[in-house]
Each structure stands twice: as C-alpha cells, then as structure tokens.
C-alpha cells in the first residue's frame, strides 16, 4: 500500500507536533510496478510513525539508486528511517546464494538504501531501521543474511501469519532477551520481565546471519535470532530492530515509544547542530 493523503489524514496526527522547528527524516521508498507503471511507494504507517512517534517530518526518498548526491542529501537530513518491505535484499550484495525462484527483490531500493546507510553513519545522521531495514543495515556494513531463517535447525516460524486479520499480525508473538550495555537496555528499563525479556511481533523470513563488523547485538529471540543491533561507537543514534514497532498497535508499547522518542531527540539534536553550522532554515509544523 502506498502513502496517500487519506493515510495522512487518518494516521498522521500533526496536531500533537511541536510548534517549534521540525526535524526532517528521510524515508527511502520501494520501487514497484502498479498497473504497469513504475511507482515509488512506502506504507503509510511508516510516515505516520515518524510524525506520531518521533515528532518529526517525513520526507520520502525515491529508490533511484546512488546518484552521486548522497553527501549533499545528508547535509539536509536530520534522520534516516529504514522501513520494512515485501522484497528481500538481493544476495549478490552480500555474496549469498542465489535466491529461490519467485523471490521478490527490489534492486533499486537496495542500490539506494545501502549507500545511504553508509553515508548517514559517516555524517552522524541518526538512523532507525526496522525489519528489512535492519537487514539492510547489516549488509551495508559488511554482514550477511539468512534468506529463510525459519528453515534452520532449531528456529521458529518468524514469517507473517497471513491467515489472520491485518492488525492482529502486529500483536506480540515471541520474547526477545535484551543484552546488557546497549541502547535497548536503557530504553526498556521497567518493561523487562524475568530474564530481561520483552515481547515483540514477528513478520520476517530473512534475518541476520554473519554480523557486520562494528555492530553490537542488542537483543536476540528465544530461538537465537538476532533481533536488534546498534552501531558501536556511532556518532549518533543508530539502531536496527527486526520486529515492527511502527504499526499503530505496537507503537503503543513502552519500548516502541521509547525507541521513537529517542530517535526524535537525536534528530532534533542533529537539526540544532546542522542549523548552527550552516545557517539552514528550518521547517515548522502548521
């Protein structure tokens, strides 16, 4: 589903946004054909979560590949939000085995997000990545992926249950264990149950295999799948999670709220630093 004005009216509550300057968060789109017409699209829930959860202004970035101006783009962004998607990251980006016949890929998105991630981290732009986004984060920094993690010995079914209503797919499904010393430990303070566990949803087939150098494992599922990572020694907020905290159901969870609020704070800090360094004008909420 693409992001439309109806989505904005339904899901984006601009009334709660600060009347102060709004940080600008870039959201890379997916590339797809709709009625044989090329389209750049993103599900409305992702833009809505940037507004409602992070108190920032979303700006969609077309999946047109690396066009040589990402450094200039980073100079104008206060955050980068990497979304989920129906497609898999192409295995040739991480020297993986060829995908099975019928696997959906989005090479235009891969060619956009992977260099964008590296540019953002280098520039100190806050990065928040969910589902496909955490997979892109790992691949962009040199890691690899399992293409069908549920088929590995001892692993559970992590894919979306398409037999139940849409909203129910985003309800809690399995526990994760949050590791000590990371970003999530601070954000989940007071929510963790016995054994440092928090319940999350699960709607993915791919998952991290070999962890990229420079990433810190923030959380793992009860069957050992890496569920969250952060960029060690990052200049700014840089977090990826395998679940979906952005859906209006899961956005109400305390950990989801803490992650989006933390991302928003980092984006406002970036905006303040960017404005003081280059005198750039800011965008204010209506």
C-alpha atoms as a PDB file:
ATOM      1  CA  UNK A   1       0.000   0.000   0.000  1.00  0.00           C
ATOM      2  CA  UNK A   2       1.320   3.429  -0.891  1.00  0.00           C
ATOM      3  CA  UNK A   3       1.300   6.508   1.314  1.00  0.00           C
ATOM      4  CA  UNK A   4      -1.678   8.697   0.340  1.00  0.00           C
ATOM      5  CA  UNK A   5      -3.325  11.859   1.584  1.00  0.00           C
ATOM      6  CA  UNK A   6      -6.021   9.666   3.132  1.00  0.00           C
ATOM      7  CA  UNK A   7      -3.339   7.818   5.114  1.00  0.00           C
ATOM      8  CA  UNK A   8      -2.001  11.144   6.302  1.00  0.00           C
ATOM      9  CA  UNK A   9      -5.424  12.340   7.408  1.00  0.00           C
ATOM     10  CA  UNK A  10      -6.133   9.027   9.145  1.00  0.00           C
ATOM     11  CA  UNK A  11      -2.805   8.129  10.760  1.00  0.00           C
ATOM     12  CA  UNK A  12      -0.661  11.276  10.980  1.00  0.00           C
ATOM     13  CA  UNK A  13      -1.696  13.397  13.940  1.00  0.00           C
ATOM     14  CA  UNK A  14       0.021  16.700  13.167  1.00  0.00           C
ATOM     15  CA  UNK A  15      -1.887  18.397  15.991  1.00  0.00           C
ATOM     16  CA  UNK A  16       0.440  16.991  18.652  1.00  0.00           C
ATOM     17  CA  UNK A  17       3.592  18.102  16.847  1.00  0.00           C
ATOM     18  CA  UNK A  18       5.678  20.848  18.344  1.00  0.00           C
ATOM     19  CA  UNK A  19       5.201  24.359  17.000  1.00  0.00           C
ATOM     20  CA  UNK A  20       8.973  24.611  17.029  1.00  0.00           C
ATOM     21  CA  UNK A  21      11.110  23.673  14.041  1.00  0.00           C
ATOM     22  CA  UNK A  22      10.527  20.099  12.858  1.00  0.00           C
ATOM     23  CA  UNK A  23      13.427  17.753  12.111  1.00  0.00           C
ATOM     24  CA  UNK A  24      13.334  16.236   8.618  1.00  0.00           C
ATOM     25  CA  UNK A  25      13.549  12.440   8.447  1.00  0.00           C
ATOM     26  CA  UNK A  26      14.280  10.774   5.120  1.00  0.00           C
ATOM     27  CA  UNK A  27      12.390   7.552   4.329  1.00  0.00           C
ATOM     28  CA  UNK A  28      13.665   5.579   1.304  1.00  0.00           C
ATOM     29  CA  UNK A  29      10.804   4.167  -0.756  1.00  0.00           C
ATOM     30  CA  UNK A  30      10.309   0.855  -2.502  1.00  0.00           C
ATOM     31  CA  UNK A  31      10.262   0.693  -6.308  1.00  0.00           C
ATOM     32  CA  UNK A  32       7.393  -1.251  -7.857  1.00  0.00           C
ATOM     33  CA  UNK A  33       5.065  -1.529 -10.811  1.00  0.00           C
ATOM     34  CA  UNK A  34       1.421  -0.575 -10.292  1.00  0.00           C
ATOM     35  CA  UNK A  35      -0.759  -1.201 -13.345  1.00  0.00           C
ATOM     36  CA  UNK A  36       2.485  -1.480 -15.332  1.00  0.00           C
ATOM     37  CA  UNK A  37       3.521   1.992 -14.191  1.00  0.00           C
ATOM     38  CA  UNK A  38       6.756   2.485 -12.195  1.00  0.00           C
ATOM     39  CA  UNK A  39       5.997   3.826  -8.724  1.00  0.00           C
ATOM     40  CA  UNK A  40       7.975   4.786  -5.619  1.00  0.00           C
ATOM     41  CA  UNK A  41       5.928   3.873  -2.558  1.00  0.00           C
ATOM     42  CA  UNK A  42       6.046   3.441   1.209  1.00  0.00           C
ATOM     43  CA  UNK A  43       3.345   2.128   3.530  1.00  0.00           C
ATOM     44  CA  UNK A  44       1.558   4.930   5.315  1.00  0.00           C
ATOM     45  CA  UNK A  45       2.291   3.514   8.776  1.00  0.00           C
ATOM     46  CA  UNK A  46       5.991   4.363   8.413  1.00  0.00           C
ATOM     47  CA  UNK A  47       5.433   8.040   7.665  1.00  0.00           C
ATOM     48  CA  UNK A  48       2.774   8.158  10.374  1.00  0.00           C
ATOM     49  CA  UNK A  49       5.136   6.700  12.987  1.00  0.00           C
ATOM     50  CA  UNK A  50       7.750   9.358  12.224  1.00  0.00           C
ATOM     51  CA  UNK A  51       5.093  12.012  12.853  1.00  0.00           C
ATOM     52  CA  UNK A  52       3.308  10.406  15.800  1.00  0.00           C
ATOM     53  CA  UNK A  53       6.228   8.621  17.444  1.00  0.00           C
ATOM     54  CA  UNK A  54       9.254  10.827  16.771  1.00  0.00           C
ATOM     55  CA  UNK A  55       7.557  14.222  16.317  1.00  0.00           C
ATOM     56  CA  UNK A  56       9.423  14.705  13.034  1.00  0.00           C
ATOM     57  CA  UNK A  57       8.517  15.472   9.436  1.00  0.00           C
ATOM     58  CA  UNK A  58       8.885  12.571   6.947  1.00  0.00           C
ATOM     59  CA  UNK A  59      10.446  13.153   3.542  1.00  0.00           C
ATOM     60  CA  UNK A  60      10.246  10.310   1.021  1.00  0.00           C
ATOM     61  CA  UNK A  61      13.417   9.458  -0.909  1.00  0.00           C
ATOM     62  CA  UNK A  62      12.754   7.786  -4.294  1.00  0.00           C
ATOM     63  CA  UNK A  63      14.545   4.477  -4.821  1.00  0.00           C
ATOM     64  CA  UNK A  64      16.593   5.648  -7.783  1.00  0.00           C
ATOM     65  CA  UNK A  65      19.966   4.237  -6.754  1.00  0.00           C
ATOM     66  CA  UNK A  66      23.127   6.091  -5.870  1.00  0.00           C
ATOM     67  CA  UNK A  67      23.053   9.236  -7.963  1.00  0.00           C
ATOM     68  CA  UNK A  68      26.177  10.891  -6.616  1.00  0.00           C
ATOM     69  CA  UNK A  69      24.490  13.408  -4.310  1.00  0.00           C
ATOM     70  CA  UNK A  70      24.000  11.482  -1.084  1.00  0.00           C
ATOM     71  CA  UNK A  71      26.573  13.626   0.726  1.00  0.00           C
ATOM     72  CA  UNK A  72      24.503  16.696  -0.150  1.00  0.00           C
ATOM     73  CA  UNK A  73      21.337  14.893   0.923  1.00  0.00           C
ATOM     74  CA  UNK A  74      22.840  14.017   4.303  1.00  0.00           C
ATOM     75  CA  UNK A  75      23.636  17.684   4.833  1.00  0.00           C
ATOM     76  CA  UNK A  76      19.905  18.396   4.633  1.00  0.00           C
ATOM     77  CA  UNK A  77      18.520  15.499   6.669  1.00  0.00           C
ATOM     78  CA  UNK A  78      18.125  15.201  10.430  1.00  0.00           C
ATOM     79  CA  UNK A  79      17.382  11.471  10.417  1.00  0.00           C
ATOM     80  CA  UNK A  80      17.072   8.371   8.234  1.00  0.00           C
ATOM     81  CA  UNK A  81      14.269   5.835   8.789  1.00  0.00           C
ATOM     82  CA  UNK A  82      14.582   2.475   7.019  1.00  0.00           C
ATOM     83  CA  UNK A  83      11.325   0.599   6.654  1.00  0.00           C
ATOM     84  CA  UNK A  84      10.167  -2.947   6.151  1.00  0.00           C
ATOM     85  CA  UNK A  85       9.098  -4.205   2.744  1.00  0.00           C
ATOM     86  CA  UNK A  86       7.842  -7.218   0.838  1.00  0.00           C
ATOM     87  CA  UNK A  87      11.105  -7.761  -1.045  1.00  0.00           C
ATOM     88  CA  UNK A  88      14.350  -9.431   0.042  1.00  0.00           C
ATOM     89  CA  UNK A  89      17.757  -7.798  -0.102  1.00  0.00           C
ATOM     90  CA  UNK A  90      19.458  -9.229  -3.166  1.00  0.00           C
ATOM     91  CA  UNK A  91      22.029 -11.855  -2.099  1.00  0.00           C
ATOM     92  CA  UNK A  92      24.687 -10.605  -4.519  1.00  0.00           C
ATOM     93  CA  UNK A  93      25.102  -7.614  -2.203  1.00  0.00           C
ATOM     94  CA  UNK A  94      26.456  -9.950   0.496  1.00  0.00           C
ATOM     95  CA  UNK A  95      27.854 -12.821  -1.618  1.00  0.00           C
ATOM     96  CA  UNK A  96      24.939 -15.056  -0.662  1.00  0.00           C
ATOM     97  CA  UNK A  97      23.447 -17.978  -2.532  1.00  0.00           C
ATOM     98  CA  UNK A  98      21.073 -17.244  -5.389  1.00  0.00           C
ATOM     99  CA  UNK A  99      17.502 -16.704  -4.219  1.00  0.00           C
ATOM    100  CA  UNK A 100      14.817 -19.239  -4.941  1.00  0.00           C
ATOM    101  CA  UNK A 101      12.637 -18.777  -7.995  1.00  0.00           C
ATOM    102  CA  UNK A 102       9.806 -16.371  -7.282  1.00  0.00           C
ATOM    103  CA  UNK A 103      11.628 -14.424  -4.551  1.00  0.00           C
ATOM    104  CA  UNK A 104      10.718 -10.751  -4.741  1.00  0.00           C
ATOM    105  CA  UNK A 105      13.643  -8.332  -4.986  1.00  0.00           C
ATOM    106  CA  UNK A 106      13.903  -4.557  -5.211  1.00  0.00           C
ATOM    107  CA  UNK A 107      17.331  -3.771  -6.697  1.00  0.00           C
ATOM    108  CA  UNK A 108      16.505  -0.069  -6.973  1.00  0.00           C
ATOM    109  CA  UNK A 109      15.833   0.105  -3.246  1.00  0.00           C
ATOM    110  CA  UNK A 110      18.993  -1.877  -2.429  1.00  0.00           C
ATOM    111  CA  UNK A 111      21.049   0.445  -4.614  1.00  0.00           C
ATOM    112  CA  UNK A 112      19.575   3.407  -2.742  1.00  0.00           C
ATOM    113  CA  UNK A 113      19.495   2.298   0.885  1.00  0.00           C
ATOM    114  CA  UNK A 114      22.885   0.594   1.178  1.00  0.00           C
ATOM    115  CA  UNK A 115      24.975   3.655   0.211  1.00  0.00           C
ATOM    116  CA  UNK A 116      22.523   5.918   2.075  1.00  0.00           C
ATOM    117  CA  UNK A 117      23.137   3.989   5.285  1.00  0.00           C
ATOM    118  CA  UNK A 118      26.899   4.293   4.949  1.00  0.00           C
ATOM    119  CA  UNK A 119      26.620   7.998   4.140  1.00  0.00           C
ATOM    120  CA  UNK A 120      24.331   8.634   7.113  1.00  0.00           C
ATOM    121  CA  UNK A 121      26.551   6.847   9.611  1.00  0.00           C
ATOM    122  CA  UNK A 122      29.622   8.636   8.293  1.00  0.00           C
ATOM    123  CA  UNK A 123      27.850  12.006   8.526  1.00  0.00           C
ATOM    124  CA  UNK A 124      26.457  11.396  12.008  1.00  0.00           C
ATOM    125  CA  UNK A 125      22.828  11.388  10.840  1.00  0.00           C
ATOM    126  CA  UNK A 126      20.587   9.388  13.229  1.00  0.00           C
ATOM    127  CA  UNK A 127      19.460   6.056  11.760  1.00  0.00           C
ATOM    128  CA  UNK A 128      16.491   3.933  12.815  1.00  0.00           C
ATOM    129  CA  UNK A 129      15.932   0.699  10.875  1.00  0.00           C
ATOM    130  CA  UNK A 130      13.048  -1.790  11.168  1.00  0.00           C
ATOM    131  CA  UNK A 131      12.554  -5.258   9.664  1.00  0.00           C
ATOM    132  CA  UNK A 132      14.058  -5.099   6.141  1.00  0.00           C
ATOM    133  CA  UNK A 133      15.880  -2.024   7.388  1.00  0.00           C
ATOM    134  CA  UNK A 134      17.952  -3.937   9.978  1.00  0.00           C
ATOM    135  CA  UNK A 135      18.883  -6.398   7.238  1.00  0.00           C
ATOM    136  CA  UNK A 136      19.995  -3.509   5.009  1.00  0.00           C
ATOM    137  CA  UNK A 137      21.975  -2.017   7.886  1.00  0.00           C
ATOM    138  CA  UNK A 138      23.849  -5.286   8.400  1.00  0.00           C
ATOM    139  CA  UNK A 139      24.539  -5.782   4.672  1.00  0.00           C
ATOM    140  CA  UNK A 140      25.583  -2.153   4.169  1.00  0.00           C
ATOM    141  CA  UNK A 141      28.284  -2.584   6.809  1.00  0.00           C
ATOM    142  CA  UNK A 142      29.544  -5.936   5.500  1.00  0.00           C
ATOM    143  CA  UNK A 143      27.325  -8.566   7.134  1.00  0.00           C
ATOM    144  CA  UNK A 144      25.294 -11.407   5.599  1.00  0.00           C
ATOM    145  CA  UNK A 145      21.733 -12.730   5.834  1.00  0.00           C
ATOM    146  CA  UNK A 146      19.776 -15.949   6.193  1.00  0.00           C
ATOM    147  CA  UNK A 147      17.172 -15.903   3.425  1.00  0.00           C
ATOM    148  CA  UNK A 148      14.771 -18.336   5.149  1.00  0.00           C
ATOM    149  CA  UNK A 149      15.640 -18.346   8.830  1.00  0.00           C
ATOM    150  CA  UNK A 150      12.624 -20.475   9.791  1.00  0.00           C
ATOM    151  CA  UNK A 151      14.151 -23.425   7.898  1.00  0.00           C
ATOM    152  CA  UNK A 152      17.292 -23.522  10.028  1.00  0.00           C
ATOM    153  CA  UNK A 153      17.532 -26.224  12.710  1.00  0.00           C
ATOM    154  CA  UNK A 154      16.021 -25.076  15.981  1.00  0.00           C
ATOM    155  CA  UNK A 155      14.473 -21.916  14.578  1.00  0.00           C
ATOM    156  CA  UNK A 156      10.824 -20.984  14.946  1.00  0.00           C
ATOM    157  CA  UNK A 157       8.393 -19.643  12.378  1.00  0.00           C
ATOM    158  CA  UNK A 158       9.089 -15.910  12.101  1.00  0.00           C
ATOM    159  CA  UNK A 159       7.064 -15.127   8.991  1.00  0.00           C
ATOM    160  CA  UNK A 160       3.838 -13.148   8.862  1.00  0.00           C
ATOM    161  CA  UNK A 161       0.690 -15.134   9.569  1.00  0.00           C
ATOM    162  CA  UNK A 162      -1.420 -14.160   6.566  1.00  0.00           C
ATOM    163  CA  UNK A 163      -4.438 -16.141   7.765  1.00  0.00           C
ATOM    164  CA  UNK A 164      -5.335 -13.626  10.493  1.00  0.00           C
ATOM    165  CA  UNK A 165      -6.618 -10.022  10.216  1.00  0.00           C
ATOM    166  CA  UNK A 166      -4.073  -7.327   9.366  1.00  0.00           C
ATOM    167  CA  UNK A 167      -3.907  -5.655  12.768  1.00  0.00           C
ATOM    168  CA  UNK A 168      -3.557  -8.984  14.597  1.00  0.00           C
ATOM    169  CA  UNK A 169      -0.374  -9.724  12.631  1.00  0.00           C
ATOM    170  CA  UNK A 170       1.383  -6.960  14.568  1.00  0.00           C
ATOM    171  CA  UNK A 171       0.486  -8.210  18.035  1.00  0.00           C
ATOM    172  CA  UNK A 172       3.136  -9.788  20.270  1.00  0.00           C
ATOM    173  CA  UNK A 173       4.375 -13.186  19.157  1.00  0.00           C
ATOM    174  CA  UNK A 174       7.637 -14.153  20.860  1.00  0.00           C
ATOM    175  CA  UNK A 175      10.032 -12.868  23.519  1.00  0.00           C
ATOM    176  CA  UNK A 176      13.400 -11.239  22.980  1.00  0.00           C
ATOM    177  CA  UNK A 177      16.181 -11.046  25.525  1.00  0.00           C
ATOM    178  CA  UNK A 178      17.795  -7.630  25.808  1.00  0.00           C
ATOM    179  CA  UNK A 179      21.523  -7.698  26.368  1.00  0.00           C
ATOM    180  CA  UNK A 180      23.321  -5.545  28.894  1.00  0.00           C
ATOM    181  CA  UNK A 181      25.320  -2.486  27.979  1.00  0.00           C
ATOM    182  CA  UNK A 182      23.319  -1.363  24.960  1.00  0.00           C
ATOM    183  CA  UNK A 183      20.765   1.232  23.886  1.00  0.00           C
ATOM    184  CA  UNK A 184      17.742  -1.015  24.380  1.00  0.00           C
ATOM    185  CA  UNK A 185      18.633  -1.804  27.976  1.00  0.00           C
ATOM    186  CA  UNK A 186      18.166   1.853  28.868  1.00  0.00           C
ATOM    187  CA  UNK A 187      15.025   2.234  26.750  1.00  0.00           C
ATOM    188  CA  UNK A 188      13.362  -0.903  28.131  1.00  0.00           C
ATOM    189  CA  UNK A 189      14.005  -0.011  31.764  1.00  0.00           C
ATOM    190  CA  UNK A 190      10.939  -1.022  33.741  1.00  0.00           C
ATOM    191  CA  UNK A 191       9.410  -3.097  30.918  1.00  0.00           C
ATOM    192  CA  UNK A 192      11.669  -6.151  31.026  1.00  0.00           C
ATOM    193  CA  UNK A 193      10.221  -9.284  32.593  1.00  0.00           C
ATOM    194  CA  UNK A 194      12.114 -12.224  34.066  1.00  0.00           C
ATOM    195  CA  UNK A 195      15.362 -12.882  32.245  1.00  0.00           C
ATOM    196  CA  UNK A 196      15.429  -9.413  30.686  1.00  0.00           C
ATOM    197  CA  UNK A 197      12.662 -10.354  28.234  1.00  0.00           C
ATOM    198  CA  UNK A 198      10.285  -8.185  26.215  1.00  0.00           C
ATOM    199  CA  UNK A 199       7.561  -9.465  23.870  1.00  0.00           C
ATOM    200  CA  UNK A 200       7.592  -8.358  20.205  1.00  0.00           C
ATOM    201  CA  UNK A 201       5.857  -9.195  16.925  1.00  0.00           C
ATOM    202  CA  UNK A 202       7.402 -11.143  14.049  1.00  0.00           C
ATOM    203  CA  UNK A 203       6.814 -10.760  10.285  1.00  0.00           C
ATOM    204  CA  UNK A 204      10.032 -11.741   8.501  1.00  0.00           C
ATOM    205  CA  UNK A 205      11.743 -14.557   6.605  1.00  0.00           C
ATOM    206  CA  UNK A 206      15.219 -13.046   6.289  1.00  0.00           C
ATOM    207  CA  UNK A 207      17.412 -12.429   9.319  1.00  0.00           C
ATOM    208  CA  UNK A 208      20.991 -11.569  10.168  1.00  0.00           C
ATOM    209  CA  UNK A 209      23.486 -14.393   9.662  1.00  0.00           C
ATOM    210  CA  UNK A 210      27.035 -13.047   9.958  1.00  0.00           C
ATOM    211  CA  UNK A 211      27.053  -9.851  11.967  1.00  0.00           C
ATOM    212  CA  UNK A 212      28.786  -6.902  10.332  1.00  0.00           C
ATOM    213  CA  UNK A 213      31.901  -5.550  11.997  1.00  0.00           C
ATOM    214  CA  UNK A 214      31.036  -2.563  14.128  1.00  0.00           C
ATOM    215  CA  UNK A 215      27.545  -3.748  15.080  1.00  0.00           C
ATOM    216  CA  UNK A 216      26.568  -4.602  18.660  1.00  0.00           C
ATOM    217  CA  UNK A 217      23.867  -7.215  19.298  1.00  0.00           C
ATOM    218  CA  UNK A 218      21.191  -5.519  21.379  1.00  0.00           C
ATOM    219  CA  UNK A 219      18.687  -8.384  21.598  1.00  0.00           C
ATOM    220  CA  UNK A 220      18.065 -11.972  20.484  1.00  0.00           C
ATOM    221  CA  UNK A 221      14.876 -14.028  20.199  1.00  0.00           C
ATOM    222  CA  UNK A 222      14.172 -17.135  22.252  1.00  0.00           C
ATOM    223  CA  UNK A 223      15.427 -19.286  19.341  1.00  0.00           C
ATOM    224  CA  UNK A 224      18.663 -17.316  18.929  1.00  0.00           C
ATOM    225  CA  UNK A 225      17.803 -15.000  16.024  1.00  0.00           C
ATOM    226  CA  UNK A 226      19.430 -11.562  16.218  1.00  0.00           C
ATOM    227  CA  UNK A 227      16.516  -9.188  16.798  1.00  0.00           C
ATOM    228  CA  UNK A 228      18.216  -5.841  17.391  1.00  0.00           C
ATOM    229  CA  UNK A 229      21.589  -4.211  16.744  1.00  0.00           C
ATOM    230  CA  UNK A 230      23.232  -0.849  17.213  1.00  0.00           C
ATOM    231  CA  UNK A 231      26.261   0.720  15.595  1.00  0.00           C
ATOM    232  CA  UNK A 232      29.084   0.658  18.107  1.00  0.00           C
ATOM    233  CA  UNK A 233      30.866   3.989  18.565  1.00  0.00           C
ATOM    234  CA  UNK A 234      28.362   5.697  16.272  1.00  0.00           C
ATOM    235  CA  UNK A 235      28.400   9.476  16.103  1.00  0.00           C
ATOM    236  CA  UNK A 236      24.612   9.485  16.614  1.00  0.00           C
ATOM    237  CA  UNK A 237      21.590   7.284  17.320  1.00  0.00           C
ATOM    238  CA  UNK A 238      21.938   4.172  15.102  1.00  0.00           C
ATOM    239  CA  UNK A 239      19.574   1.312  15.938  1.00  0.00           C
ATOM    240  CA  UNK A 240      18.006  -1.538  13.992  1.00  0.00           C
ATOM    241  CA  UNK A 241      15.238  -3.911  15.103  1.00  0.00           C
ATOM    242  CA  UNK A 242      13.870  -6.976  13.327  1.00  0.00           C
ATOM    243  CA  UNK A 243      10.287  -6.509  14.508  1.00  0.00           C
ATOM    244  CA  UNK A 244       7.728  -3.816  13.639  1.00  0.00           C
ATOM    245  CA  UNK A 245       7.385  -1.096  16.295  1.00  0.00           C
ATOM    246  CA  UNK A 246       5.811   1.387  13.842  1.00  0.00           C
ATOM    247  CA  UNK A 247       2.347  -0.156  13.453  1.00  0.00           C
ATOM    248  CA  UNK A 248      -0.367   1.705  15.365  1.00  0.00           C
ATOM    249  CA  UNK A 249      -0.824  -1.369  17.574  1.00  0.00           C
ATOM    250  CA  UNK A 250       2.830  -1.849  18.502  1.00  0.00           C
ATOM    251  CA  UNK A 251       3.552   1.893  18.610  1.00  0.00           C
ATOM    252  CA  UNK A 252       1.682   1.934  21.930  1.00  0.00           C
ATOM    253  CA  UNK A 253       4.153  -0.448  23.577  1.00  0.00           C
ATOM    254  CA  UNK A 254       6.504   1.272  26.051  1.00  0.00           C
ATOM    255  CA  UNK A 255       9.652   0.093  24.237  1.00  0.00           C
ATOM    256  CA  UNK A 256       8.304   1.273  20.868  1.00  0.00           C
ATOM    257  CA  UNK A 257       7.519   4.683  22.326  1.00  0.00           C
ATOM    258  CA  UNK A 258      10.979   4.890  23.878  1.00  0.00           C
ATOM    259  CA  UNK A 259      12.715   3.992  20.608  1.00  0.00           C
ATOM    260  CA  UNK A 260      10.812   6.542  18.525  1.00  0.00           C
ATOM    261  CA  UNK A 261      11.175   9.216  21.201  1.00  0.00           C
ATOM    262  CA  UNK A 262      14.917   8.537  21.399  1.00  0.00           C
ATOM    263  CA  UNK A 263      15.167   8.738  17.616  1.00  0.00           C
ATOM    264  CA  UNK A 264      13.244  12.020  17.653  1.00  0.00           C
ATOM    265  CA  UNK A 265      15.521  13.511  20.310  1.00  0.00           C
ATOM    266  CA  UNK A 266      18.572  12.544  18.260  1.00  0.00           C
ATOM    267  CA  UNK A 267      17.024  14.096  15.139  1.00  0.00           C
ATOM    268  CA  UNK A 268      16.362  17.362  16.978  1.00  0.00           C
ATOM    269  CA  UNK A 269      19.947  17.397  18.204  1.00  0.00           C
ATOM    270  CA  UNK A 270      21.109  16.865  14.638  1.00  0.00           C
ATOM    271  CA  UNK A 271      18.825  19.651  13.410  1.00  0.00           C
ATOM    272  CA  UNK A 272      20.206  22.046  16.015  1.00  0.00           C
ATOM    273  CA  UNK A 273      23.788  21.203  15.093  1.00  0.00           C
ATOM    274  CA  UNK A 274      23.032  21.425  11.389  1.00  0.00           C
ATOM    275  CA  UNK A 275      21.311  24.768  11.765  1.00  0.00           C
ATOM    276  CA  UNK A 276      24.102  26.282  13.842  1.00  0.00           C
ATOM    277  CA  UNK A 277      26.781  25.090  11.425  1.00  0.00           C
ATOM    278  CA  UNK A 278      25.257  26.102   8.097  1.00  0.00           C
ATOM    279  CA  UNK A 279      22.529  28.541   8.998  1.00  0.00           C
ATOM    280  CA  UNK A 280      19.959  26.369   7.237  1.00  0.00           C
ATOM    281  CA  UNK A 281      16.343  27.429   7.586  1.00  0.00           C
ATOM    282  CA  UNK A 282      14.060  25.064   9.473  1.00  0.00           C
ATOM    283  CA  UNK A 283      10.593  23.739   8.744  1.00  0.00           C
ATOM    284  CA  UNK A 284       7.886  24.438  11.279  1.00  0.00           C
ATOM    285  CA  UNK A 285       4.709  22.486  11.917  1.00  0.00           C
ATOM    286  CA  UNK A 286       1.472  24.193  10.968  1.00  0.00           C
END
